[in-house]
Protein backbone atom coordinates (compact mmCIF):
# COMPACT_ATOMS: atom_id res chain seq x y z
CA THR A 1 0.00 0.00 0.00
CA ALA A 2 1.37 3.39 -0.96
CA ARG A 3 1.95 5.98 1.68
CA ALA A 4 -0.01 9.15 2.27
CA GLY A 5 0.47 12.07 -0.10
CA PHE A 6 -0.21 11.47 -3.77
CA GLY A 7 -0.46 7.76 -3.05
CA THR A 8 -0.95 6.45 -6.60
CA ALA A 9 1.18 6.31 -9.70
CA SER A 10 -1.51 8.05 -11.73
CA LEU A 11 -1.20 11.05 -9.47
CA ALA A 12 2.56 10.79 -9.86
CA SER A 13 2.08 11.34 -13.56
CA ALA A 14 -0.13 14.31 -12.72
CA TRP A 15 2.63 15.69 -10.51
CA LEU A 16 5.15 15.53 -13.33
CA SER A 17 2.66 16.91 -15.84
CA ASP A 18 2.21 19.91 -13.56
CA LEU A 19 5.98 20.32 -13.42
CA VAL A 20 6.20 20.14 -17.21
CA GLY A 21 3.32 22.59 -17.52
CA ARG A 22 5.26 25.08 -15.44
CA GLY A 23 8.16 24.64 -17.86
CA THR A 24 10.54 23.68 -15.07
CA SER A 25 10.92 19.89 -15.35
CA VAL A 26 14.42 18.55 -15.90
CA LEU A 27 13.37 14.97 -15.07
CA LYS A 28 12.20 12.17 -17.33
CA LEU A 29 9.45 9.84 -16.13
CA HIS A 30 8.45 6.28 -16.92
CA HIS A 31 5.64 4.48 -15.10
CA LEU A 32 5.07 0.72 -15.08
CA GLU A 33 2.27 -1.09 -13.27
CA ARG A 34 2.97 -4.64 -12.16
CA LYS A 35 1.26 -7.03 -9.81
CA ASP A 36 1.47 -5.63 -6.27
CA GLN A 37 3.68 -2.71 -7.33
CA ASP A 38 3.88 0.56 -9.24
CA ILE A 39 7.35 1.47 -10.45
CA ILE A 40 8.14 5.08 -11.30
CA LEU A 41 11.47 5.80 -12.93
CA LEU A 42 12.78 9.32 -12.52
CA GLY A 43 15.57 9.97 -14.99
CA ALA A 44 17.98 12.72 -13.93
CA LEU A 45 21.32 14.23 -14.84
CA HIS A 46 23.62 13.31 -11.98
CA ASP A 47 25.44 16.66 -11.87
CA GLN A 48 22.44 18.98 -12.11
CA ASP A 49 21.31 20.95 -9.06
CA GLU A 50 17.79 21.45 -10.44
CA ALA A 51 17.38 17.71 -10.95
CA ALA A 52 18.37 17.11 -7.33
CA MET A 53 15.80 19.66 -6.15
CA GLN A 54 13.04 18.05 -8.20
CA VAL A 55 13.96 14.56 -7.00
CA LYS A 56 13.60 15.83 -3.43
CA GLU A 57 10.22 17.38 -4.30
CA ALA A 58 9.07 14.12 -5.91
CA ILE A 59 9.85 12.04 -2.81
CA GLU A 60 8.24 14.56 -0.47
CA SER A 61 5.12 14.80 -2.66
CA LEU A 62 4.66 11.14 -3.64
CA ARG A 63 5.86 9.53 -0.39
CA PRO A 64 6.57 6.15 -2.01
CA ASP A 65 6.95 2.85 -0.19
CA HIS A 66 10.51 2.50 -1.46
CA VAL A 67 13.15 4.79 -2.94
CA ALA A 68 15.63 2.98 -5.17
CA LEU A 69 18.99 4.45 -6.11
CA GLU A 70 21.46 3.87 -8.94
CA LEU A 71 24.16 3.11 -6.40
CA CYS A 72 25.97 0.09 -5.03
CA GLU A 73 27.05 -0.21 -1.39
CA ARG A 74 30.59 0.90 -2.18
CA ARG A 75 29.49 4.07 -4.02
CA PHE A 76 26.89 4.85 -1.35
CA LYS A 77 29.61 4.79 1.31
CA ARG A 78 31.68 7.21 -0.73
CA ILE A 79 28.82 9.70 -0.47
CA PHE A 80 27.86 8.85 3.13
CA PRO A 81 31.01 7.40 4.75
CA PHE A 82 29.36 7.09 8.18
CA GLY A 83 25.84 6.38 6.96
CA ILE A 84 22.82 8.53 6.23
CA SER A 85 21.73 8.71 9.89
CA ALA A 86 25.09 10.12 10.93
CA PHE A 87 24.94 12.64 8.09
CA ALA A 88 21.46 13.76 9.15
CA GLN A 89 22.77 14.57 12.64
CA LEU A 90 25.44 16.95 11.37
CA PRO A 91 24.88 20.72 11.75
CA ALA A 92 22.90 22.21 8.86
CA GLU A 93 25.85 24.30 7.72
CA GLU A 94 28.08 21.23 7.45
CA ARG A 95 25.40 19.25 5.58
CA CYS A 96 25.06 22.08 3.04
CA ALA A 97 28.82 22.26 2.60
CA ILE A 98 29.01 18.52 1.87
CA ALA A 99 26.17 18.76 -0.65
CA GLN A 100 27.81 21.69 -2.42
CA ARG A 101 31.10 19.81 -2.78
CA LEU A 102 29.46 17.04 -4.80
CA ARG A 103 30.34 17.19 -8.48
CA SER A 104 28.21 14.21 -9.52
CA GLY A 105 25.57 12.07 -7.86
CA LYS A 106 23.62 15.10 -6.69
CA ASP A 107 20.33 13.40 -7.57
CA GLN A 108 21.30 10.26 -5.60
CA PHE A 109 22.41 12.34 -2.63
CA ALA A 110 19.16 14.34 -2.61
CA ALA A 111 17.05 11.19 -2.96
CA ALA A 112 18.79 9.44 -0.06
CA VAL A 113 18.44 12.44 2.24
CA ALA A 114 14.80 13.05 1.31
CA ALA A 115 13.92 9.37 1.78
CA HIS A 116 15.61 9.32 5.20
CA THR A 117 13.72 12.46 6.23
CA GLN A 118 10.42 10.86 5.16
CA SER A 119 11.32 7.50 6.80
CA VAL A 120 11.12 5.78 3.41
CA PRO A 121 13.34 2.70 2.98
CA VAL A 122 16.23 3.13 0.54
CA THR A 123 17.33 0.28 -1.74
CA LEU A 124 20.68 0.30 -3.53
CA CYS A 125 19.96 -1.31 -6.89
CA ASP A 126 23.21 -1.10 -8.79
CA ARG A 127 25.90 -3.75 -9.19
CA ASP A 128 29.18 -3.22 -7.35
CA PHE A 129 31.13 -0.83 -9.55
CA ARG A 130 34.34 -2.84 -9.17
CA ILE A 131 32.58 -5.84 -10.72
CA THR A 132 31.34 -3.61 -13.54
CA GLU A 133 34.87 -2.32 -14.18
CA ASP A 134 36.31 -5.84 -14.11
CA ARG A 135 33.69 -7.20 -16.50
CA PHE A 136 34.35 -4.29 -18.84
CA LEU A 137 38.12 -4.93 -18.90
CA ALA A 138 37.59 -8.70 -19.24
CA HIS A 139 35.30 -8.07 -22.21
CA LEU A 140 38.12 -6.54 -24.28
CA GLN A 141 40.55 -8.57 -26.36
CA PRO A 142 44.20 -8.09 -25.26
CA ASP A 143 45.25 -6.17 -28.37
CA ILE A 144 42.21 -3.89 -28.07
CA LEU A 145 42.90 -3.38 -24.36
CA LYS A 146 46.52 -2.37 -25.01
CA ALA A 147 45.64 -0.09 -27.93
CA GLY A 148 42.81 1.51 -25.97
CA ALA A 149 45.09 2.20 -23.00
CA LEU A 150 47.72 3.78 -25.25
CA GLY A 151 45.06 5.94 -26.89
CA ALA A 152 43.72 7.02 -23.49
CA LEU A 153 47.23 8.16 -22.57
CA GLY A 154 47.56 10.10 -25.81
CA LEU A 155 50.19 7.72 -27.17
CA PRO A 156 50.27 6.21 -30.68
CA SER A 157 48.75 2.75 -31.08
CA ARG A 158 47.92 0.33 -33.86
CA ALA A 159 45.73 1.95 -36.51
CA ASP A 160 44.53 -1.36 -37.97
CA LEU A 161 42.41 -2.28 -34.95
CA PRO A 162 38.71 -1.36 -34.48
CA VAL A 163 39.48 0.07 -31.03
CA GLU A 164 36.68 2.62 -30.85
CA GLU A 165 34.04 0.14 -32.01
CA ALA A 166 35.22 -2.51 -29.53
CA LEU A 167 35.22 -0.04 -26.63
CA GLU A 168 31.74 1.19 -27.54
CA GLU A 169 30.44 -2.40 -27.65
CA ALA A 170 32.00 -3.18 -24.26
CA VAL A 171 30.48 -0.03 -22.75
CA ALA A 172 27.05 -0.84 -24.20
CA THR A 173 27.19 -4.37 -22.79
CA CYS A 174 28.93 -4.01 -19.43
CA ILE A 175 28.27 -0.41 -18.41
CA TRP A 176 24.70 -0.09 -19.65
CA ASP A 177 22.87 -3.30 -20.59
CA GLU A 178 24.05 -5.59 -17.80
CA ARG A 179 23.49 -2.96 -15.13
CA ASP A 180 20.04 -2.17 -16.51
CA LYS A 181 19.11 -5.83 -16.16
CA VAL A 182 20.50 -6.05 -12.61
CA MET A 183 18.72 -2.88 -11.47
CA ALA A 184 15.45 -3.88 -13.14
CA ARG A 185 15.44 -7.24 -11.35
CA ARG A 186 16.04 -5.58 -7.98
CA LEU A 187 13.29 -3.05 -8.65
CA GLN A 188 10.87 -5.87 -9.45
CA SER A 189 11.45 -7.33 -5.97
CA LEU A 190 10.14 -4.22 -4.17
CA PRO A 191 6.40 -4.09 -3.31
CA GLY A 192 4.11 -1.06 -3.38
CA LEU A 193 4.91 2.31 -4.89
CA VAL A 194 8.57 2.33 -5.91
CA LEU A 195 10.34 5.52 -6.93
CA ALA A 196 13.65 4.83 -8.66
CA VAL A 197 16.10 7.67 -9.26
CA VAL A 198 18.45 6.81 -12.11
CA GLY A 199 20.53 8.47 -14.79
CA VAL A 200 18.65 9.52 -17.91
CA LYS A 201 20.70 7.11 -20.04
CA HIS A 202 19.34 4.15 -18.07
CA MET A 203 15.68 4.97 -18.71
CA GLU A 204 15.26 3.09 -22.00
CA GLY A 205 17.08 -0.05 -20.89
CA LEU A 206 15.30 -0.20 -17.53
CA ALA A 207 11.88 0.27 -19.15
CA HIS A 208 12.74 -2.59 -21.52
CA TYR A 209 13.75 -5.03 -18.80
CA LEU A 210 11.05 -4.02 -16.32
CA ALA A 211 8.45 -5.15 -18.86
CA GLN A 212 9.94 -8.67 -18.76
CA GLU A 213 10.28 -11.45 -16.22
CA ILE A 214 14.00 -11.52 -15.50
CA ASP A 215 15.76 -14.75 -14.58
CA PRO A 216 17.30 -14.17 -11.12
CA VAL A 217 19.97 -16.81 -11.82
CA ASN A 218 21.15 -14.79 -14.80
CA VAL A 219 21.31 -11.65 -12.67
CA ASP A 220 23.27 -13.49 -9.98
CA MET A 221 25.81 -14.51 -12.62
CA LEU A 222 26.18 -10.90 -13.73
CA CYS A 223 26.98 -9.87 -10.15
CA LYS A 224 29.63 -12.47 -9.38
CA PRO A 225 33.20 -11.18 -9.00
CA VAL A 226 35.39 -11.67 -12.06
CA HIS A 227 38.88 -13.13 -11.83
CA LEU A 228 40.84 -10.43 -13.63
CA PRO A 229 44.59 -11.01 -14.16
CA LEU A 230 46.74 -8.27 -12.66
CA TRP A 231 48.27 -7.40 -16.04
CA ARG A 232 44.82 -6.78 -17.51
CA ARG A 233 43.80 -4.56 -14.59
CA LEU A 234 47.01 -2.52 -14.76
CA ILE A 235 46.92 -2.06 -18.53
CA GLY A 236 43.22 -1.16 -18.44
CA GLN A 237 43.47 1.57 -15.79
CA PRO A 238 43.95 4.46 -18.29
CA ILE A 239 40.72 3.43 -20.04
CA LEU A 240 38.80 3.54 -16.76
CA TRP A 241 40.16 7.01 -15.94
């Protein structure tokens, strides 16, 4: 059962329509109704202050049963090293200073704080970013990996290799598609009204997978640590930078 406030996903659409009507919306919205749950995707630019403000307004207005973030535990701890409760107890001036220092993830930060203030459970939906990085580097053939690293450092590399195409394919698979599937599966496990705050570029992939029944075994495989040889990790670092 959705909380008080707007309470239903149809009214969530009305909320965004009102925002659009005022010509101030910087968020994208996708709504999906499933058995025992309504999922609302809010697509935001991670580095935009206005997006963060509107994410906060959305959570305060809609009061969902769950707020889901495009973060893993490791990335969440980078934003809140001592946890969200400890952050909330800091003096207001210090909290504002921390928020202002953020260069990216402003939407995730605002969503976590707003959810904590409203006593709404927060779910971290993303795959561990180290696993994502390792799968990306493992996806590349050795000659592509070496040439890509040299190119990232501004050094000459082999011109006969389809480096750009291979990197784009690895990004599409490991950075976007696999994570979309993982996040969609975790969103499907949350009951009630679910408000997910994600990057705009994830909207299409998430909408695609949310409309399907996702095999949890397949998702578990995508989240298992990868054995990455040290040489591959070292050579691939410039690409990750």
